[in-house]
Protein backbone atom coordinates (compact mmCIF):
# COMPACT_ATOMS: atom_id res chain seq x y z
CA GLN A 1 0.00 0.00 0.00
CA PRO A 2 1.20 3.55 -0.62
CA LEU A 3 2.07 5.47 2.52
CA ALA A 4 -0.89 7.83 2.02
CA GLU A 5 -3.26 4.85 2.32
CA VAL A 6 -1.59 3.55 5.47
CA TRP A 7 -1.65 6.75 7.56
CA GLN A 8 -3.68 9.91 7.74
CA PRO A 9 -1.69 13.10 7.00
CA GLU A 10 -1.46 13.98 10.70
CA CYS A 11 0.22 10.63 11.42
CA ALA A 12 3.05 10.73 8.92
CA ALA A 13 4.96 13.31 6.96
CA SER A 14 8.01 13.68 4.84
CA LEU A 15 10.11 16.41 6.43
CA ARG A 16 11.62 17.22 3.08
CA ASN A 17 8.27 18.55 1.89
CA ASN A 18 6.51 19.46 5.12
CA PRO A 19 8.69 20.53 8.09
CA LEU A 20 7.02 19.86 11.43
CA PRO A 21 7.64 22.37 14.22
CA ASP A 22 8.48 20.70 17.52
CA PRO A 23 10.60 22.08 20.34
CA LEU A 24 11.73 18.53 21.10
CA LEU A 25 13.46 18.31 17.72
CA ALA A 26 16.13 20.85 18.58
CA SER A 27 18.96 18.38 19.25
CA ASN A 28 18.25 16.15 16.26
CA GLU A 29 16.60 18.40 13.69
CA GLN A 30 19.35 18.03 11.08
CA ASP A 31 19.21 14.24 11.28
CA LEU A 32 15.43 14.24 10.90
CA LEU A 33 15.78 16.25 7.72
CA LYS A 34 17.69 13.30 6.23
CA ALA A 35 14.82 10.85 6.80
CA ALA A 36 12.66 9.80 3.88
CA PHE A 37 9.62 9.57 6.19
CA VAL A 38 8.89 10.72 9.71
CA VAL A 39 5.95 8.98 11.33
CA TRP A 40 4.10 10.54 14.26
CA PRO A 41 1.98 7.57 15.42
CA LEU A 42 -1.10 8.06 17.54
CA THR A 43 -1.53 4.34 18.34
CA THR A 44 0.57 1.19 18.55
CA ASN A 45 -1.12 0.06 15.32
CA HIS A 46 0.43 3.07 13.56
CA VAL A 47 3.85 1.96 14.83
CA GLN A 48 3.26 -1.55 13.51
CA GLU A 49 2.20 -0.21 10.11
CA ALA A 50 5.29 2.00 9.95
CA VAL A 51 7.58 -0.95 10.62
CA LEU A 52 5.76 -3.09 8.05
CA PHE A 53 5.97 -0.25 5.50
CA ALA A 54 9.72 0.06 6.11
CA ALA A 55 10.19 -3.70 5.78
CA ARG A 56 8.25 -3.84 2.52
CA HIS A 57 10.34 -1.02 1.08
CA ARG A 58 13.65 -2.17 2.63
CA LEU A 59 14.10 1.04 4.63
CA CYS A 60 15.97 1.34 7.91
CA VAL A 61 13.93 2.29 10.98
CA ALA A 62 14.84 4.52 13.93
CA VAL A 63 12.56 5.12 16.90
CA ILE A 64 12.90 8.53 18.53
CA GLY A 65 11.18 9.66 21.70
CA THR A 66 12.05 13.09 23.04
CA GLY A 67 15.15 13.56 20.90
CA HIS A 68 17.80 13.22 23.60
CA ASP A 69 20.60 11.39 21.85
CA TRP A 70 23.83 13.32 21.54
CA ALA A 71 25.68 10.15 20.43
CA ASN A 72 23.69 10.07 17.16
CA ARG A 73 22.58 6.45 17.63
CA HIS A 74 19.36 7.15 15.77
CA SER A 75 20.84 7.90 12.33
CA CYS A 76 18.86 6.34 9.55
CA PRO A 77 19.30 8.48 6.41
CA ASP A 78 16.58 7.97 3.81
CA GLY A 79 14.75 5.64 6.20
CA VAL A 80 11.71 5.82 8.46
CA TYR A 81 11.89 7.72 11.74
CA ILE A 82 9.15 6.85 14.21
CA ARG A 83 8.59 9.72 16.65
CA THR A 84 6.79 8.53 19.80
CA SER A 85 6.07 12.05 21.14
CA LEU A 86 2.32 11.76 20.47
CA LEU A 87 2.00 8.41 22.26
CA ASN A 88 1.36 10.24 25.52
CA SER A 89 -1.45 8.28 27.15
CA HIS A 90 -1.49 7.61 30.87
CA SER A 91 -3.74 5.68 33.21
CA PHE A 92 -3.99 4.79 36.89
CA ASP A 93 -5.76 1.73 38.28
CA PRO A 94 -5.98 1.93 42.09
CA SER A 95 -7.15 -1.69 42.39
CA LEU A 96 -3.89 -3.23 41.14
CA ASP A 97 -0.82 -4.21 43.16
CA ASN A 98 -2.73 -5.20 46.33
CA GLY A 99 -4.68 -1.96 46.34
CA CYS A 100 -1.62 0.31 46.03
CA GLY A 101 -2.39 1.03 42.41
CA ALA A 102 -0.42 0.92 39.20
CA MET A 103 0.21 3.46 36.47
CA GLU A 104 0.73 2.96 32.76
CA PHE A 105 2.45 5.56 30.60
CA GLY A 106 2.72 5.93 26.83
CA ALA A 107 6.11 5.91 25.13
CA GLY A 108 5.94 9.63 24.35
CA LEU A 109 5.73 10.99 27.89
CA THR A 110 8.54 12.86 29.56
CA PHE A 111 9.37 12.50 33.24
CA GLU A 112 7.90 15.94 33.89
CA GLN A 113 4.54 14.74 32.55
CA ALA A 114 4.73 11.39 34.37
CA HIS A 115 5.66 12.97 37.72
CA SER A 116 2.85 15.49 37.40
CA TYR A 117 0.29 12.77 36.63
CA ALA A 118 1.53 10.60 39.52
CA ALA A 119 1.40 13.54 41.96
CA ASN A 120 -2.21 14.23 40.94
CA HIS A 121 -2.99 10.70 42.15
CA GLY A 122 -1.03 11.00 45.39
CA ARG A 123 1.80 8.82 44.06
CA PHE A 124 5.44 9.36 43.15
CA ILE A 125 7.89 7.84 40.69
CA ALA A 126 11.40 6.88 41.73
CA SER A 127 13.61 8.25 38.97
CA GLY A 128 16.26 10.71 38.05
CA TRP A 129 15.00 14.14 37.15
CA CYS A 130 15.32 16.04 33.96
CA PRO A 131 11.98 17.39 32.77
CA THR A 132 12.55 16.69 29.08
CA VAL A 133 13.89 13.12 29.35
CA GLY A 134 11.47 10.56 27.97
CA ILE A 135 10.46 7.75 30.27
CA ALA A 136 10.59 5.09 27.55
CA GLY A 137 14.16 5.78 26.42
CA TRP A 138 15.40 6.18 30.00
CA SER A 139 13.62 3.00 31.13
CA LEU A 140 15.22 1.03 28.29
CA SER A 141 18.75 1.97 29.45
CA GLY A 142 18.93 5.40 27.93
CA GLY A 143 18.65 6.85 24.49
CA HIS A 144 15.96 6.16 21.96
């Protein structure tokens, strides 16, 4: 399927033709300009479709959360960049974990957002603190 049939325009864009403003792109903006496609998924199904699209067209894939990667481990020129910034769901179920509750966070949240959500539910998160660090990259041993 052509990319236009797989995603709606708000879910994917080619930065060569349609630059997307995002303050989180500051550290990696030049690398994103080298991508053939940048996908801004809204659901996990969009991520799956992006990976399948890349596989069908033999394109490399890089997943980028908040853009914190000074070591340039996300380079994938002419490939597909999957930006998780819009996967920012969160939920709290107070009945789990013997009544203590459990939280679930989307891959696009930063620690600032996660800490704020937890505090609103009378909970806290044990973590380092930098407001713009993404919880997914940090939780997976740093980086994207």
